[in-house]
């Protein structure tokens, strides 16, 4: 309960934390089942909160998807959470780019590569990045 009081957790993540604290396996599963039945442990709430928090931090859908996959969540559930998040990823990309590069469209290939690498690292799709750096994001 202490872990869930701080923030939402996924079942796999909570299992790892409890194992790390030395909890017996049979008690972990029983406790997690009880928490899920009581509505205190919800994968969908966890996904929603995680996507929103990462998007506010300037990350794109590919990066968020990868991090959630590494946390042991189902890819279909992750995709559904991303689709239902209501986030305009083009707008998000533009905001991150403006914050980092002051909306300076790159003049030379070196600067273009630098900006592109940063945005790919942040998890935005390459086609969107190319359109942004060519000044035609709205297409």
C-alpha atoms as a PDB file:
ATOM      1  CA  UNK A   1       0.000   0.000   0.000  1.00  0.00           C
ATOM      2  CA  UNK A   2       2.865   2.367   0.777  1.00  0.00           C
ATOM      3  CA  UNK A   3       4.189   2.091  -2.786  1.00  0.00           C
ATOM      4  CA  UNK A   4       0.751   2.667  -4.313  1.00  0.00           C
ATOM      5  CA  UNK A   5       0.141   5.686  -2.111  1.00  0.00           C
ATOM      6  CA  UNK A   6       3.043   7.510  -3.778  1.00  0.00           C
ATOM      7  CA  UNK A   7       2.070   6.891  -7.413  1.00  0.00           C
ATOM      8  CA  UNK A   8       0.415   4.397  -9.748  1.00  0.00           C
ATOM      9  CA  UNK A   9       2.339   1.182 -10.396  1.00  0.00           C
ATOM     10  CA  UNK A  10       1.930  -1.617 -12.897  1.00  0.00           C
ATOM     11  CA  UNK A  11       1.593  -5.186 -11.658  1.00  0.00           C
ATOM     12  CA  UNK A  12       4.997  -6.265 -13.012  1.00  0.00           C
ATOM     13  CA  UNK A  13       6.749  -3.213 -11.570  1.00  0.00           C
ATOM     14  CA  UNK A  14       5.122  -3.677  -8.163  1.00  0.00           C
ATOM     15  CA  UNK A  15       6.051  -7.369  -8.169  1.00  0.00           C
ATOM     16  CA  UNK A  16       9.709  -6.496  -8.833  1.00  0.00           C
ATOM     17  CA  UNK A  17       9.763  -3.932  -6.032  1.00  0.00           C
ATOM     18  CA  UNK A  18       8.183  -6.311  -3.536  1.00  0.00           C
ATOM     19  CA  UNK A  19      10.602  -9.099  -4.485  1.00  0.00           C
ATOM     20  CA  UNK A  20      13.461  -6.649  -3.990  1.00  0.00           C
ATOM     21  CA  UNK A  21      12.198  -5.982  -0.490  1.00  0.00           C
ATOM     22  CA  UNK A  22      12.229  -9.706   0.284  1.00  0.00           C
ATOM     23  CA  UNK A  23       8.512 -10.492   0.169  1.00  0.00           C
ATOM     24  CA  UNK A  24       7.631 -14.179  -0.418  1.00  0.00           C
ATOM     25  CA  UNK A  25       6.321 -14.935  -3.923  1.00  0.00           C
ATOM     26  CA  UNK A  26       3.036 -16.479  -2.766  1.00  0.00           C
ATOM     27  CA  UNK A  27       2.229 -13.425  -0.630  1.00  0.00           C
ATOM     28  CA  UNK A  28       3.040 -11.034  -3.476  1.00  0.00           C
ATOM     29  CA  UNK A  29       0.567 -12.625  -5.885  1.00  0.00           C
ATOM     30  CA  UNK A  30      -2.194 -12.830  -3.276  1.00  0.00           C
ATOM     31  CA  UNK A  31      -1.681  -9.212  -2.233  1.00  0.00           C
ATOM     32  CA  UNK A  32      -1.638  -7.957  -5.828  1.00  0.00           C
ATOM     33  CA  UNK A  33      -4.785  -9.927  -6.660  1.00  0.00           C
ATOM     34  CA  UNK A  34      -6.555  -8.399  -3.644  1.00  0.00           C
ATOM     35  CA  UNK A  35      -5.402  -4.879  -4.582  1.00  0.00           C
ATOM     36  CA  UNK A  36      -6.637  -5.365  -8.149  1.00  0.00           C
ATOM     37  CA  UNK A  37     -10.022  -6.638  -6.922  1.00  0.00           C
ATOM     38  CA  UNK A  38     -10.376  -3.593  -4.673  1.00  0.00           C
ATOM     39  CA  UNK A  39      -9.514  -1.292  -7.580  1.00  0.00           C
ATOM     40  CA  UNK A  40      -6.330  -0.023  -5.953  1.00  0.00           C
ATOM     41  CA  UNK A  41      -4.065  -1.581  -8.572  1.00  0.00           C
ATOM     42  CA  UNK A  42      -5.043  -0.741 -12.154  1.00  0.00           C
ATOM     43  CA  UNK A  43      -2.901  -1.262 -15.236  1.00  0.00           C
ATOM     44  CA  UNK A  44      -5.010   1.154 -17.271  1.00  0.00           C
ATOM     45  CA  UNK A  45      -4.678   3.916 -14.656  1.00  0.00           C
ATOM     46  CA  UNK A  46      -0.954   3.266 -14.494  1.00  0.00           C
ATOM     47  CA  UNK A  47      -0.614   3.479 -18.286  1.00  0.00           C
ATOM     48  CA  UNK A  48      -2.663   6.666 -18.438  1.00  0.00           C
ATOM     49  CA  UNK A  49      -0.612   8.348 -15.698  1.00  0.00           C
ATOM     50  CA  UNK A  50       2.718   7.204 -17.157  1.00  0.00           C
ATOM     51  CA  UNK A  51       1.916   8.384 -20.688  1.00  0.00           C
ATOM     52  CA  UNK A  52       0.702  11.768 -19.434  1.00  0.00           C
ATOM     53  CA  UNK A  53       3.742  12.301 -17.196  1.00  0.00           C
ATOM     54  CA  UNK A  54       6.258  11.361 -19.898  1.00  0.00           C
ATOM     55  CA  UNK A  55       4.504  13.481 -22.518  1.00  0.00           C
ATOM     56  CA  UNK A  56       4.612  16.477 -20.142  1.00  0.00           C
ATOM     57  CA  UNK A  57       8.338  15.827 -19.798  1.00  0.00           C
ATOM     58  CA  UNK A  58       8.777  16.111 -23.568  1.00  0.00           C
ATOM     59  CA  UNK A  59       8.944  12.493 -24.664  1.00  0.00           C
ATOM     60  CA  UNK A  60       7.371  11.085 -27.800  1.00  0.00           C
ATOM     61  CA  UNK A  61       5.290   7.973 -28.365  1.00  0.00           C
ATOM     62  CA  UNK A  62       8.136   5.674 -29.445  1.00  0.00           C
ATOM     63  CA  UNK A  63      10.183   6.357 -26.315  1.00  0.00           C
ATOM     64  CA  UNK A  64       7.147   5.976 -24.050  1.00  0.00           C
ATOM     65  CA  UNK A  65       6.166   2.731 -25.793  1.00  0.00           C
ATOM     66  CA  UNK A  66       9.666   1.316 -25.363  1.00  0.00           C
ATOM     67  CA  UNK A  67       9.887   2.239 -21.673  1.00  0.00           C
ATOM     68  CA  UNK A  68       6.515   0.665 -20.932  1.00  0.00           C
ATOM     69  CA  UNK A  69       7.444  -2.482 -22.859  1.00  0.00           C
ATOM     70  CA  UNK A  70      10.602  -2.761 -20.754  1.00  0.00           C
ATOM     71  CA  UNK A  71       8.412  -2.501 -17.663  1.00  0.00           C
ATOM     72  CA  UNK A  72       6.605  -5.659 -18.756  1.00  0.00           C
ATOM     73  CA  UNK A  73       3.340  -4.229 -20.047  1.00  0.00           C
ATOM     74  CA  UNK A  74       1.368  -5.626 -22.962  1.00  0.00           C
ATOM     75  CA  UNK A  75       2.075  -3.867 -26.284  1.00  0.00           C
ATOM     76  CA  UNK A  76      -1.619  -3.750 -27.216  1.00  0.00           C
ATOM     77  CA  UNK A  77      -2.484  -2.082 -23.898  1.00  0.00           C
ATOM     78  CA  UNK A  78       0.360   0.388 -24.374  1.00  0.00           C
ATOM     79  CA  UNK A  79      -0.816   1.290 -27.867  1.00  0.00           C
ATOM     80  CA  UNK A  80      -4.363   1.726 -26.629  1.00  0.00           C
ATOM     81  CA  UNK A  81      -3.169   4.056 -23.850  1.00  0.00           C
ATOM     82  CA  UNK A  82      -1.159   6.111 -26.358  1.00  0.00           C
ATOM     83  CA  UNK A  83      -4.121   6.308 -28.747  1.00  0.00           C
ATOM     84  CA  UNK A  84      -6.549   7.299 -25.990  1.00  0.00           C
ATOM     85  CA  UNK A  85      -4.219   9.821 -24.376  1.00  0.00           C
ATOM     86  CA  UNK A  86      -5.550  12.659 -26.509  1.00  0.00           C
ATOM     87  CA  UNK A  87      -2.036  14.039 -26.955  1.00  0.00           C
ATOM     88  CA  UNK A  88      -1.285  15.847 -30.207  1.00  0.00           C
ATOM     89  CA  UNK A  89       2.159  14.363 -30.900  1.00  0.00           C
ATOM     90  CA  UNK A  90       2.879  16.868 -33.698  1.00  0.00           C
ATOM     91  CA  UNK A  91       2.274  19.736 -31.310  1.00  0.00           C
ATOM     92  CA  UNK A  92       4.337  17.974 -28.652  1.00  0.00           C
ATOM     93  CA  UNK A  93       7.211  17.535 -31.124  1.00  0.00           C
ATOM     94  CA  UNK A  94       7.091  21.189 -32.090  1.00  0.00           C
ATOM     95  CA  UNK A  95       7.093  22.328 -28.447  1.00  0.00           C
ATOM     96  CA  UNK A  96      10.097  20.158 -27.576  1.00  0.00           C
ATOM     97  CA  UNK A  97      11.941  21.395 -30.669  1.00  0.00           C
ATOM     98  CA  UNK A  98      11.151  25.062 -29.915  1.00  0.00           C
ATOM     99  CA  UNK A  99      12.294  24.683 -26.305  1.00  0.00           C
ATOM    100  CA  UNK A 100      15.559  23.010 -27.238  1.00  0.00           C
ATOM    101  CA  UNK A 101      16.483  24.739 -30.497  1.00  0.00           C
ATOM    102  CA  UNK A 102      14.598  28.072 -30.286  1.00  0.00           C
ATOM    103  CA  UNK A 103      12.669  27.163 -33.449  1.00  0.00           C
ATOM    104  CA  UNK A 104      15.798  27.537 -35.607  1.00  0.00           C
ATOM    105  CA  UNK A 105      15.311  25.517 -38.773  1.00  0.00           C
ATOM    106  CA  UNK A 106      18.708  23.929 -39.505  1.00  0.00           C
ATOM    107  CA  UNK A 107      20.699  25.454 -42.368  1.00  0.00           C
ATOM    108  CA  UNK A 108      23.396  22.839 -42.738  1.00  0.00           C
ATOM    109  CA  UNK A 109      23.359  19.026 -42.662  1.00  0.00           C
ATOM    110  CA  UNK A 110      25.349  18.900 -39.436  1.00  0.00           C
ATOM    111  CA  UNK A 111      22.816  20.979 -37.481  1.00  0.00           C
ATOM    112  CA  UNK A 112      19.954  19.066 -39.092  1.00  0.00           C
ATOM    113  CA  UNK A 113      21.498  15.772 -37.963  1.00  0.00           C
ATOM    114  CA  UNK A 114      22.009  17.131 -34.449  1.00  0.00           C
ATOM    115  CA  UNK A 115      18.395  18.238 -34.125  1.00  0.00           C
ATOM    116  CA  UNK A 116      17.134  15.014 -35.691  1.00  0.00           C
ATOM    117  CA  UNK A 117      19.155  12.818 -33.319  1.00  0.00           C
ATOM    118  CA  UNK A 118      17.847  14.681 -30.302  1.00  0.00           C
ATOM    119  CA  UNK A 119      14.224  14.351 -31.416  1.00  0.00           C
ATOM    120  CA  UNK A 120      14.607  10.660 -32.307  1.00  0.00           C
ATOM    121  CA  UNK A 121      16.155  10.054 -28.883  1.00  0.00           C
ATOM    122  CA  UNK A 122      13.131  11.755 -27.338  1.00  0.00           C
ATOM    123  CA  UNK A 123      10.917   9.228 -29.148  1.00  0.00           C
ATOM    124  CA  UNK A 124       9.310  11.071 -32.019  1.00  0.00           C
ATOM    125  CA  UNK A 125       8.705   9.391 -35.406  1.00  0.00           C
ATOM    126  CA  UNK A 126      11.265  10.117 -38.125  1.00  0.00           C
ATOM    127  CA  UNK A 127       8.664  11.168 -40.700  1.00  0.00           C
ATOM    128  CA  UNK A 128       7.317  13.846 -38.342  1.00  0.00           C
ATOM    129  CA  UNK A 129      10.844  15.016 -37.537  1.00  0.00           C
ATOM    130  CA  UNK A 130      11.724  15.320 -41.227  1.00  0.00           C
ATOM    131  CA  UNK A 131       8.586  17.360 -41.919  1.00  0.00           C
ATOM    132  CA  UNK A 132       9.321  19.632 -38.948  1.00  0.00           C
ATOM    133  CA  UNK A 133      12.922  20.241 -39.975  1.00  0.00           C
ATOM    134  CA  UNK A 134      11.818  21.002 -43.532  1.00  0.00           C
ATOM    135  CA  UNK A 135       9.256  23.490 -42.245  1.00  0.00           C
ATOM    136  CA  UNK A 136       6.207  21.505 -43.357  1.00  0.00           C
ATOM    137  CA  UNK A 137       4.974  19.860 -40.152  1.00  0.00           C
ATOM    138  CA  UNK A 138       1.331  20.728 -40.857  1.00  0.00           C
ATOM    139  CA  UNK A 139       1.172  18.552 -43.982  1.00  0.00           C
END
